[in-house]
């Protein structure tokens, strides 16, 4: 999997202190985020890395109403942009209207 990174990114991650064991997880995220419009990190392990590596629209459930969250998710689906959702416990019920 590491060969899919390229030397420049590999050495950049090494200089940033990324462990080789984490690099494989990051590669999976990078390759999978190119295709699906939504990536969920239930354990919050990749918060800082995601914020540093990607310029993502962030959605915080604590700070927004459910209507605002649904509108932000819908806009990202329509535009194909990536979003990062934090502090979500009831995402399934919010996605149901968008799936119709």
PDB file of N, CA and C in Angstrom:
ATOM      1  N   UNK A   1       0.807  -1.197   0.000  1.00  0.00           N
ATOM      2  CA  UNK A   1       0.000   0.000   0.000  1.00  0.00           C
ATOM      3  C   UNK A   1       0.853   1.265   0.000  1.00  0.00           C
ATOM      4  N   UNK A   2       1.991   1.194   0.638  1.00  0.00           N
ATOM      5  CA  UNK A   2       2.816   2.394   0.737  1.00  0.00           C
ATOM      6  C   UNK A   2       3.305   2.881  -0.616  1.00  0.00           C
ATOM      7  N   UNK A   3       3.415   1.985  -1.591  1.00  0.00           N
ATOM      8  CA  UNK A   3       3.868   2.417  -2.912  1.00  0.00           C
ATOM      9  C   UNK A   3       2.850   3.338  -3.578  1.00  0.00           C
ATOM     10  N   UNK A   4       1.594   3.297  -3.158  1.00  0.00           N
ATOM     11  CA  UNK A   4       0.574   4.155  -3.762  1.00  0.00           C
ATOM     12  C   UNK A   4       0.673   5.599  -3.288  1.00  0.00           C
ATOM     13  N   UNK A   5       1.476   5.852  -2.270  1.00  0.00           N
ATOM     14  CA  UNK A   5       1.653   7.205  -1.755  1.00  0.00           C
ATOM     15  C   UNK A   5       2.504   8.078  -2.657  1.00  0.00           C
ATOM     16  N   UNK A   6       3.611   7.548  -3.069  1.00  0.00           N
ATOM     17  CA  UNK A   6       4.616   8.366  -3.731  1.00  0.00           C
ATOM     18  C   UNK A   6       5.662   8.769  -2.709  1.00  0.00           C
ATOM     19  N   UNK A   7       6.872   8.932  -3.171  1.00  0.00           N
ATOM     20  CA  UNK A   7       7.984   9.211  -2.259  1.00  0.00           C
ATOM     21  C   UNK A   7       7.825  10.525  -1.510  1.00  0.00           C
ATOM     22  N   UNK A   8       7.344  11.558  -2.195  1.00  0.00           N
ATOM     23  CA  UNK A   8       7.251  12.871  -1.567  1.00  0.00           C
ATOM     24  C   UNK A   8       6.309  12.846  -0.364  1.00  0.00           C
ATOM     25  N   UNK A   9       5.126  12.287  -0.530  1.00  0.00           N
ATOM     26  CA  UNK A   9       4.165  12.236   0.573  1.00  0.00           C
ATOM     27  C   UNK A   9       4.673  11.314   1.679  1.00  0.00           C
ATOM     28  N   UNK A  10       5.278  10.198   1.297  1.00  0.00           N
ATOM     29  CA  UNK A  10       5.814   9.259   2.286  1.00  0.00           C
ATOM     30  C   UNK A  10       6.836   9.948   3.190  1.00  0.00           C
ATOM     31  N   UNK A  11       7.787  10.660   2.604  1.00  0.00           N
ATOM     32  CA  UNK A  11       8.816  11.329   3.406  1.00  0.00           C
ATOM     33  C   UNK A  11       8.242  12.513   4.185  1.00  0.00           C
ATOM     34  N   UNK A  12       7.225  13.156   3.629  1.00  0.00           N
ATOM     35  CA  UNK A  12       6.569  14.247   4.346  1.00  0.00           C
ATOM     36  C   UNK A  12       5.883  13.708   5.607  1.00  0.00           C
ATOM     37  N   UNK A  13       5.188  12.589   5.465  1.00  0.00           N
ATOM     38  CA  UNK A  13       4.532  11.985   6.624  1.00  0.00           C
ATOM     39  C   UNK A  13       5.550  11.496   7.645  1.00  0.00           C
ATOM     40  N   UNK A  14       6.656  10.926   7.181  1.00  0.00           N
ATOM     41  CA  UNK A  14       7.702  10.496   8.118  1.00  0.00           C
ATOM     42  C   UNK A  14       8.255  11.680   8.899  1.00  0.00           C
ATOM     43  N   UNK A  15       8.473  12.803   8.209  1.00  0.00           N
ATOM     44  CA  UNK A  15       9.000  13.981   8.898  1.00  0.00           C
ATOM     45  C   UNK A  15       7.979  14.587   9.855  1.00  0.00           C
ATOM     46  N   UNK A  16       6.680  14.356   9.588  1.00  0.00           N
ATOM     47  CA  UNK A  16       5.628  14.829  10.492  1.00  0.00           C
ATOM     48  C   UNK A  16       5.416  13.893  11.679  1.00  0.00           C
ATOM     49  N   UNK A  17       6.131  12.769  11.690  1.00  0.00           N
ATOM     50  CA  UNK A  17       6.028  11.843  12.810  1.00  0.00           C
ATOM     51  C   UNK A  17       4.933  10.800  12.682  1.00  0.00           C
ATOM     52  N   UNK A  18       4.417  10.600  11.478  1.00  0.00           N
ATOM     53  CA  UNK A  18       3.379   9.588  11.272  1.00  0.00           C
ATOM     54  C   UNK A  18       4.029   8.209  11.289  1.00  0.00           C
ATOM     55  N   UNK A  19       3.510   7.332  12.118  1.00  0.00           N
ATOM     56  CA  UNK A  19       4.040   5.974  12.207  1.00  0.00           C
ATOM     57  C   UNK A  19       3.645   5.171  10.976  1.00  0.00           C
ATOM     58  N   UNK A  20       4.485   4.214  10.612  1.00  0.00           N
ATOM     59  CA  UNK A  20       4.194   3.383   9.437  1.00  0.00           C
ATOM     60  C   UNK A  20       2.888   2.623   9.607  1.00  0.00           C
ATOM     61  N   UNK A  21       2.571   2.218  10.834  1.00  0.00           N
ATOM     62  CA  UNK A  21       1.326   1.490  11.072  1.00  0.00           C
ATOM     63  C   UNK A  21       0.108   2.375  10.810  1.00  0.00           C
ATOM     64  N   UNK A  22       0.226   3.660  11.048  1.00  0.00           N
ATOM     65  CA  UNK A  22      -0.875   4.590  10.782  1.00  0.00           C
ATOM     66  C   UNK A  22      -0.955   4.967   9.308  1.00  0.00           C
ATOM     67  N   UNK A  23       0.158   4.904   8.597  1.00  0.00           N
ATOM     68  CA  UNK A  23       0.168   5.287   7.185  1.00  0.00           C
ATOM     69  C   UNK A  23      -0.799   4.450   6.367  1.00  0.00           C
ATOM     70  N   UNK A  24      -0.890   3.166   6.658  1.00  0.00           N
ATOM     71  CA  UNK A  24      -1.811   2.320   5.907  1.00  0.00           C
ATOM     72  C   UNK A  24      -3.248   2.763   6.122  1.00  0.00           C
ATOM     73  N   UNK A  25      -3.591   3.131   7.355  1.00  0.00           N
ATOM     74  CA  UNK A  25      -4.940   3.632   7.620  1.00  0.00           C
ATOM     75  C   UNK A  25      -5.189   4.939   6.879  1.00  0.00           C
ATOM     76  N   UNK A  26      -4.202   5.813   6.867  1.00  0.00           N
ATOM     77  CA  UNK A  26      -4.350   7.087   6.174  1.00  0.00           C
ATOM     78  C   UNK A  26      -4.511   6.879   4.669  1.00  0.00           C
ATOM     79  N   UNK A  27      -3.781   5.927   4.116  1.00  0.00           N
ATOM     80  CA  UNK A  27      -3.897   5.640   2.684  1.00  0.00           C
ATOM     81  C   UNK A  27      -5.299   5.145   2.359  1.00  0.00           C
ATOM     82  N   UNK A  28      -5.837   4.301   3.220  1.00  0.00           N
ATOM     83  CA  UNK A  28      -7.207   3.820   3.004  1.00  0.00           C
ATOM     84  C   UNK A  28      -8.178   4.986   3.016  1.00  0.00           C
ATOM     85  N   UNK A  29      -7.996   5.909   3.940  1.00  0.00           N
ATOM     86  CA  UNK A  29      -8.877   7.076   3.999  1.00  0.00           C
ATOM     87  C   UNK A  29      -8.726   7.920   2.741  1.00  0.00           C
ATOM     88  N   UNK A  30      -7.491   8.173   2.329  1.00  0.00           N
ATOM     89  CA  UNK A  30      -7.261   8.998   1.141  1.00  0.00           C
ATOM     90  C   UNK A  30      -7.891   8.371  -0.086  1.00  0.00           C
ATOM     91  N   UNK A  31      -7.675   7.089  -0.275  1.00  0.00           N
ATOM     92  CA  UNK A  31      -8.201   6.425  -1.470  1.00  0.00           C
ATOM     93  C   UNK A  31      -9.718   6.289  -1.420  1.00  0.00           C
ATOM     94  N   UNK A  32     -10.282   6.077  -0.241  1.00  0.00           N
ATOM     95  CA  UNK A  32     -11.728   5.908  -0.162  1.00  0.00           C
ATOM     96  C   UNK A  32     -12.461   7.237  -0.182  1.00  0.00           C
ATOM     97  N   UNK A  33     -11.813   8.303   0.280  1.00  0.00           N
ATOM     98  CA  UNK A  33     -12.494   9.595   0.314  1.00  0.00           C
ATOM     99  C   UNK A  33     -12.611  10.205  -1.081  1.00  0.00           C
ATOM    100  N   UNK A  34     -11.870   9.664  -2.038  1.00  0.00           N
ATOM    101  CA  UNK A  34     -11.980  10.154  -3.402  1.00  0.00           C
ATOM    102  C   UNK A  34     -13.316   9.772  -4.025  1.00  0.00           C
ATOM    103  N   UNK A  35     -13.971   8.753  -3.488  1.00  0.00           N
ATOM    104  CA  UNK A  35     -15.190   8.247  -4.107  1.00  0.00           C
ATOM    105  C   UNK A  35     -16.459   8.511  -3.305  1.00  0.00           C
ATOM    106  N   UNK A  36     -16.554   8.116  -2.032  1.00  0.00           N
ATOM    107  CA  UNK A  36     -17.816   8.364  -1.332  1.00  0.00           C
ATOM    108  C   UNK A  36     -17.899   9.802  -0.844  1.00  0.00           C
ATOM    109  N   UNK A  37     -19.116  10.362  -0.752  1.00  0.00           N
ATOM    110  CA  UNK A  37     -19.256  11.741  -0.293  1.00  0.00           C
ATOM    111  C   UNK A  37     -19.210  11.881   1.219  1.00  0.00           C
ATOM    112  N   UNK A  38     -19.163  10.764   1.950  1.00  0.00           N
ATOM    113  CA  UNK A  38     -19.253  10.830   3.399  1.00  0.00           C
ATOM    114  C   UNK A  38     -18.285   9.838   4.037  1.00  0.00           C
ATOM    115  N   UNK A  39     -17.520  10.299   5.002  1.00  0.00           N
ATOM    116  CA  UNK A  39     -16.617   9.445   5.767  1.00  0.00           C
ATOM    117  C   UNK A  39     -16.895   9.698   7.241  1.00  0.00           C
ATOM    118  N   UNK A  40     -17.146   8.646   8.000  1.00  0.00           N
ATOM    119  CA  UNK A  40     -17.471   8.787   9.419  1.00  0.00           C
ATOM    120  C   UNK A  40     -16.344   8.183  10.245  1.00  0.00           C
ATOM    121  N   UNK A  41     -15.858   8.941  11.218  1.00  0.00           N
ATOM    122  CA  UNK A  41     -14.817   8.480  12.135  1.00  0.00           C
ATOM    123  C   UNK A  41     -15.429   8.403  13.530  1.00  0.00           C
ATOM    124  N   UNK A  42     -16.010   7.261  13.914  1.00  0.00           N
ATOM    125  CA  UNK A  42     -16.741   7.186  15.181  1.00  0.00           C
ATOM    126  C   UNK A  42     -15.858   7.321  16.416  1.00  0.00           C
ATOM    127  N   UNK A  43     -14.587   7.049  16.314  1.00  0.00           N
ATOM    128  CA  UNK A  43     -13.717   7.091  17.479  1.00  0.00           C
ATOM    129  C   UNK A  43     -12.896   8.370  17.574  1.00  0.00           C
ATOM    130  N   UNK A  44     -12.951   9.225  16.574  1.00  0.00           N
ATOM    131  CA  UNK A  44     -12.239  10.492  16.614  1.00  0.00           C
ATOM    132  C   UNK A  44     -10.732  10.370  16.573  1.00  0.00           C
ATOM    133  N   UNK A  45     -10.206   9.287  16.022  1.00  0.00           N
ATOM    134  CA  UNK A  45      -8.762   9.081  15.996  1.00  0.00           C
ATOM    135  C   UNK A  45      -8.062   9.951  14.962  1.00  0.00           C
ATOM    136  N   UNK A  46      -8.775  10.369  13.960  1.00  0.00           N
ATOM    137  CA  UNK A  46      -8.112  11.047  12.848  1.00  0.00           C
ATOM    138  C   UNK A  46      -8.495  12.518  12.747  1.00  0.00           C
ATOM    139  N   UNK A  47      -8.983  13.093  13.831  1.00  0.00           N
ATOM    140  CA  UNK A  47      -9.408  14.492  13.820  1.00  0.00           C
ATOM    141  C   UNK A  47      -8.319  15.428  13.320  1.00  0.00           C
ATOM    142  N   UNK A  48      -7.203  15.432  14.018  1.00  0.00           N
ATOM    143  CA  UNK A  48      -6.135  16.375  13.680  1.00  0.00           C
ATOM    144  C   UNK A  48      -5.552  16.092  12.310  1.00  0.00           C
ATOM    145  N   UNK A  49      -5.406  14.816  11.985  1.00  0.00           N
ATOM    146  CA  UNK A  49      -4.837  14.474  10.684  1.00  0.00           C
ATOM    147  C   UNK A  49      -5.760  14.908   9.559  1.00  0.00           C
ATOM    148  N   UNK A  50      -7.054  14.682   9.707  1.00  0.00           N
ATOM    149  CA  UNK A  50      -8.015  15.070   8.670  1.00  0.00           C
ATOM    150  C   UNK A  50      -8.016  16.583   8.484  1.00  0.00           C
ATOM    151  N   UNK A  51      -7.992  17.306   9.587  1.00  0.00           N
ATOM    152  CA  UNK A  51      -8.001  18.759   9.498  1.00  0.00           C
ATOM    153  C   UNK A  51      -6.734  19.285   8.838  1.00  0.00           C
ATOM    154  N   UNK A  52      -5.620  18.625   9.077  1.00  0.00           N
ATOM    155  CA  UNK A  52      -4.357  19.074   8.493  1.00  0.00           C
ATOM    156  C   UNK A  52      -4.249  18.687   7.023  1.00  0.00           C
ATOM    157  N   UNK A  53      -4.646  17.454   6.699  1.00  0.00           N
ATOM    158  CA  UNK A  53      -4.426  16.945   5.347  1.00  0.00           C
ATOM    159  C   UNK A  53      -5.472  17.450   4.358  1.00  0.00           C
ATOM    160  N   UNK A  54      -6.701  17.596   4.809  1.00  0.00           N
ATOM    161  CA  UNK A  54      -7.786  18.036   3.929  1.00  0.00           C
ATOM    162  C   UNK A  54      -8.339  19.361   4.413  1.00  0.00           C
ATOM    163  N   UNK A  55      -8.792  20.154   3.482  1.00  0.00           N
ATOM    164  CA  UNK A  55      -9.505  21.374   3.819  1.00  0.00           C
ATOM    165  C   UNK A  55     -10.990  21.036   3.732  1.00  0.00           C
ATOM    166  N   UNK A  56     -11.565  20.612   4.855  1.00  0.00           N
ATOM    167  CA  UNK A  56     -12.926  20.098   4.854  1.00  0.00           C
ATOM    168  C   UNK A  56     -13.894  21.083   5.471  1.00  0.00           C
ATOM    169  N   UNK A  57     -15.143  21.032   4.983  1.00  0.00           N
ATOM    170  CA  UNK A  57     -16.218  21.748   5.644  1.00  0.00           C
ATOM    171  C   UNK A  57     -16.551  20.958   6.903  1.00  0.00           C
ATOM    172  N   UNK A  58     -16.493  21.610   8.053  1.00  0.00           N
ATOM    173  CA  UNK A  58     -16.727  20.908   9.314  1.00  0.00           C
ATOM    174  C   UNK A  58     -18.143  21.180   9.795  1.00  0.00           C
ATOM    175  N   UNK A  59     -18.801  20.140  10.272  1.00  0.00           N
ATOM    176  CA  UNK A  59     -20.137  20.268  10.837  1.00  0.00           C
ATOM    177  C   UNK A  59     -20.066  19.785  12.278  1.00  0.00           C
ATOM    178  N   UNK A  60     -20.384  20.667  13.212  1.00  0.00           N
ATOM    179  CA  UNK A  60     -20.409  20.314  14.629  1.00  0.00           C
ATOM    180  C   UNK A  60     -21.865  20.244  15.065  1.00  0.00           C
ATOM    181  N   UNK A  61     -22.310  19.083  15.503  1.00  0.00           N
ATOM    182  CA  UNK A  61     -23.696  18.913  15.908  1.00  0.00           C
ATOM    183  C   UNK A  61     -24.039  19.762  17.117  1.00  0.00           C
ATOM    184  N   UNK A  62     -23.073  20.053  17.955  1.00  0.00           N
ATOM    185  CA  UNK A  62     -23.338  20.838  19.160  1.00  0.00           C
ATOM    186  C   UNK A  62     -23.722  22.274  18.832  1.00  0.00           C
ATOM    187  N   UNK A  63     -23.201  22.801  17.732  1.00  0.00           N
ATOM    188  CA  UNK A  63     -23.357  24.216  17.427  1.00  0.00           C
ATOM    189  C   UNK A  63     -24.436  24.519  16.398  1.00  0.00           C
ATOM    190  N   UNK A  64     -25.019  23.515  15.769  1.00  0.00           N
ATOM    191  CA  UNK A  64     -25.967  23.769  14.691  1.00  0.00           C
ATOM    192  C   UNK A  64     -27.284  23.064  14.958  1.00  0.00           C
ATOM    193  N   UNK A  65     -28.358  23.647  14.419  1.00  0.00           N
ATOM    194  CA  UNK A  65     -29.655  22.988  14.515  1.00  0.00           C
ATOM    195  C   UNK A  65     -29.692  21.823  13.536  1.00  0.00           C
ATOM    196  N   UNK A  66     -30.647  20.921  13.724  1.00  0.00           N
ATOM    197  CA  UNK A  66     -30.748  19.762  12.837  1.00  0.00           C
ATOM    198  C   UNK A  66     -31.017  20.195  11.403  1.00  0.00           C
ATOM    199  N   UNK A  67     -31.796  21.245  11.234  1.00  0.00           N
ATOM    200  CA  UNK A  67     -32.091  21.734   9.884  1.00  0.00           C
ATOM    201  C   UNK A  67     -30.810  22.205   9.195  1.00  0.00           C
ATOM    202  N   UNK A  68     -29.965  22.940   9.924  1.00  0.00           N
ATOM    203  CA  UNK A  68     -28.702  23.418   9.350  1.00  0.00           C
ATOM    204  C   UNK A  68     -27.777  22.262   8.989  1.00  0.00           C
ATOM    205  N   UNK A  69     -27.764  21.235   9.828  1.00  0.00           N
ATOM    206  CA  UNK A  69     -26.926  20.065   9.557  1.00  0.00           C
ATOM    207  C   UNK A  69     -27.402  19.362   8.295  1.00  0.00           C
ATOM    208  N   UNK A  70     -28.708  19.152   8.179  1.00  0.00           N
ATOM    209  CA  UNK A  70     -29.264  18.488   6.993  1.00  0.00           C
ATOM    210  C   UNK A  70     -28.970  19.304   5.745  1.00  0.00           C
ATOM    211  N   UNK A  71     -29.109  20.611   5.827  1.00  0.00           N
ATOM    212  CA  UNK A  71     -28.835  21.469   4.668  1.00  0.00           C
ATOM    213  C   UNK A  71     -27.356  21.392   4.277  1.00  0.00           C
ATOM    214  N   UNK A  72     -26.462  21.387   5.244  1.00  0.00           N
ATOM    215  CA  UNK A  72     -25.026  21.295   4.949  1.00  0.00           C
ATOM    216  C   UNK A  72     -24.673  19.967   4.299  1.00  0.00           C
ATOM    217  N   UNK A  73     -25.250  18.878   4.815  1.00  0.00           N
ATOM    218  CA  UNK A  73     -24.991  17.563   4.226  1.00  0.00           C
ATOM    219  C   UNK A  73     -25.548  17.497   2.814  1.00  0.00           C
ATOM    220  N   UNK A  74     -26.754  18.012   2.629  1.00  0.00           N
ATOM    221  CA  UNK A  74     -27.375  17.993   1.300  1.00  0.00           C
ATOM    222  C   UNK A  74     -26.556  18.800   0.298  1.00  0.00           C
ATOM    223  N   UNK A  75     -26.082  19.969   0.698  1.00  0.00           N
ATOM    224  CA  UNK A  75     -25.263  20.794  -0.193  1.00  0.00           C
ATOM    225  C   UNK A  75     -23.961  20.093  -0.559  1.00  0.00           C
ATOM    226  N   UNK A  76     -23.364  19.387   0.387  1.00  0.00           N
ATOM    227  CA  UNK A  76     -22.120  18.682   0.073  1.00  0.00           C
ATOM    228  C   UNK A  76     -22.377  17.515  -0.865  1.00  0.00           C
ATOM    229  N   UNK A  77     -23.512  16.825  -0.706  1.00  0.00           N
ATOM    230  CA  UNK A  77     -23.863  15.745  -1.632  1.00  0.00           C
ATOM    231  C   UNK A  77     -24.045  16.290  -3.037  1.00  0.00           C
ATOM    232  N   UNK A  78     -24.746  17.411  -3.149  1.00  0.00           N
ATOM    233  CA  UNK A  78     -25.034  17.979  -4.470  1.00  0.00           C
ATOM    234  C   UNK A  78     -23.786  18.535  -5.144  1.00  0.00           C
ATOM    235  N   UNK A  79     -22.905  19.131  -4.360  1.00  0.00           N
ATOM    236  CA  UNK A  79     -21.705  19.735  -4.944  1.00  0.00           C
ATOM    237  C   UNK A  79     -20.545  18.750  -5.059  1.00  0.00           C
ATOM    238  N   UNK A  80     -20.635  17.620  -4.371  1.00  0.00           N
ATOM    239  CA  UNK A  80     -19.548  16.649  -4.397  1.00  0.00           C
ATOM    240  C   UNK A  80     -18.401  17.007  -3.473  1.00  0.00           C
ATOM    241  N   UNK A  81     -18.604  17.983  -2.605  1.00  0.00           N
ATOM    242  CA  UNK A  81     -17.541  18.375  -1.681  1.00  0.00           C
ATOM    243  C   UNK A  81     -17.513  17.441  -0.472  1.00  0.00           C
ATOM    244  N   UNK A  82     -16.404  17.460   0.237  1.00  0.00           N
ATOM    245  CA  UNK A  82     -16.218  16.596   1.392  1.00  0.00           C
ATOM    246  C   UNK A  82     -16.604  17.346   2.662  1.00  0.00           C
ATOM    247  N   UNK A  83     -17.178  16.624   3.607  1.00  0.00           N
ATOM    248  CA  UNK A  83     -17.530  17.231   4.889  1.00  0.00           C
ATOM    249  C   UNK A  83     -16.968  16.375   6.014  1.00  0.00           C
ATOM    250  N   UNK A  84     -16.826  16.988   7.155  1.00  0.00           N
ATOM    251  CA  UNK A  84     -16.340  16.295   8.344  1.00  0.00           C
ATOM    252  C   UNK A  84     -17.342  16.565   9.452  1.00  0.00           C
ATOM    253  N   UNK A  85     -18.022  15.521   9.915  1.00  0.00           N
ATOM    254  CA  UNK A  85     -19.079  15.663  10.907  1.00  0.00           C
ATOM    255  C   UNK A  85     -18.539  15.212  12.257  1.00  0.00           C
ATOM    256  N   UNK A  86     -18.692  16.075  13.256  1.00  0.00           N
ATOM    257  CA  UNK A  86     -18.220  15.758  14.602  1.00  0.00           C
ATOM    258  C   UNK A  86     -19.401  15.734  15.564  1.00  0.00           C
ATOM    259  N   UNK A  87     -19.238  14.947  16.618  1.00  0.00           N
ATOM    260  CA  UNK A  87     -20.205  14.882  17.714  1.00  0.00           C
ATOM    261  C   UNK A  87     -21.600  14.486  17.253  1.00  0.00           C
ATOM    262  N   UNK A  88     -21.687  13.463  16.456  1.00  0.00           N
ATOM    263  CA  UNK A  88     -22.996  13.033  15.970  1.00  0.00           C
ATOM    264  C   UNK A  88     -23.392  11.712  16.619  1.00  0.00           C
ATOM    265  N   UNK A  89     -24.621  11.665  17.069  1.00  0.00           N
ATOM    266  CA  UNK A  89     -25.157  10.439  17.653  1.00  0.00           C
ATOM    267  C   UNK A  89     -26.374   9.937  16.890  1.00  0.00           C
ATOM    268  N   UNK A  90     -27.043  10.821  16.171  1.00  0.00           N
ATOM    269  CA  UNK A  90     -28.292  10.458  15.500  1.00  0.00           C
ATOM    270  C   UNK A  90     -28.217  10.748  14.010  1.00  0.00           C
ATOM    271  N   UNK A  91     -27.132  10.409  13.394  1.00  0.00           N
ATOM    272  CA  UNK A  91     -26.945  10.715  11.981  1.00  0.00           C
ATOM    273  C   UNK A  91     -27.897   9.928  11.088  1.00  0.00           C
ATOM    274  N   UNK A  92     -28.217   8.685  11.461  1.00  0.00           N
ATOM    275  CA  UNK A  92     -29.092   7.857  10.632  1.00  0.00           C
ATOM    276  C   UNK A  92     -30.439   8.516  10.393  1.00  0.00           C
ATOM    277  N   UNK A  93     -31.034   9.084  11.435  1.00  0.00           N
ATOM    278  CA  UNK A  93     -32.341   9.714  11.277  1.00  0.00           C
ATOM    279  C   UNK A  93     -32.263  10.974  10.423  1.00  0.00           C
ATOM    280  N   UNK A  94     -31.111  11.625  10.397  1.00  0.00           N
ATOM    281  CA  UNK A  94     -30.961  12.818   9.568  1.00  0.00           C
ATOM    282  C   UNK A  94     -30.736  12.470   8.104  1.00  0.00           C
ATOM    283  N   UNK A  95     -30.094  11.339   7.843  1.00  0.00           N
ATOM    284  CA  UNK A  95     -29.804  10.960   6.458  1.00  0.00           C
ATOM    285  C   UNK A  95     -31.009  10.372   5.736  1.00  0.00           C
ATOM    286  N   UNK A  96     -31.990   9.876   6.465  1.00  0.00           N
ATOM    287  CA  UNK A  96     -33.146   9.248   5.831  1.00  0.00           C
ATOM    288  C   UNK A  96     -33.869  10.194   4.867  1.00  0.00           C
ATOM    289  N   UNK A  97     -34.183  11.445   5.251  1.00  0.00           N
ATOM    290  CA  UNK A  97     -34.842  12.342   4.283  1.00  0.00           C
ATOM    291  C   UNK A  97     -33.972  12.656   3.063  1.00  0.00           C
ATOM    292  N   UNK A  98     -32.665  12.676   3.231  1.00  0.00           N
ATOM    293  CA  UNK A  98     -31.779  12.963   2.104  1.00  0.00           C
ATOM    294  C   UNK A  98     -31.736  11.811   1.110  1.00  0.00           C
ATOM    295  N   UNK A  99     -31.952  10.603   1.593  1.00  0.00           N
ATOM    296  CA  UNK A  99     -31.888   9.426   0.729  1.00  0.00           C
ATOM    297  C   UNK A  99     -33.134   9.274  -0.138  1.00  0.00           C
ATOM    298  N   UNK A 100     -34.191   9.975   0.198  1.00  0.00           N
ATOM    299  CA  UNK A 100     -35.437   9.840  -0.577  1.00  0.00           C
ATOM    300  C   UNK A 100     -35.417  10.660  -1.836  1.00  0.00           C
TER     301      UNK A 100
END
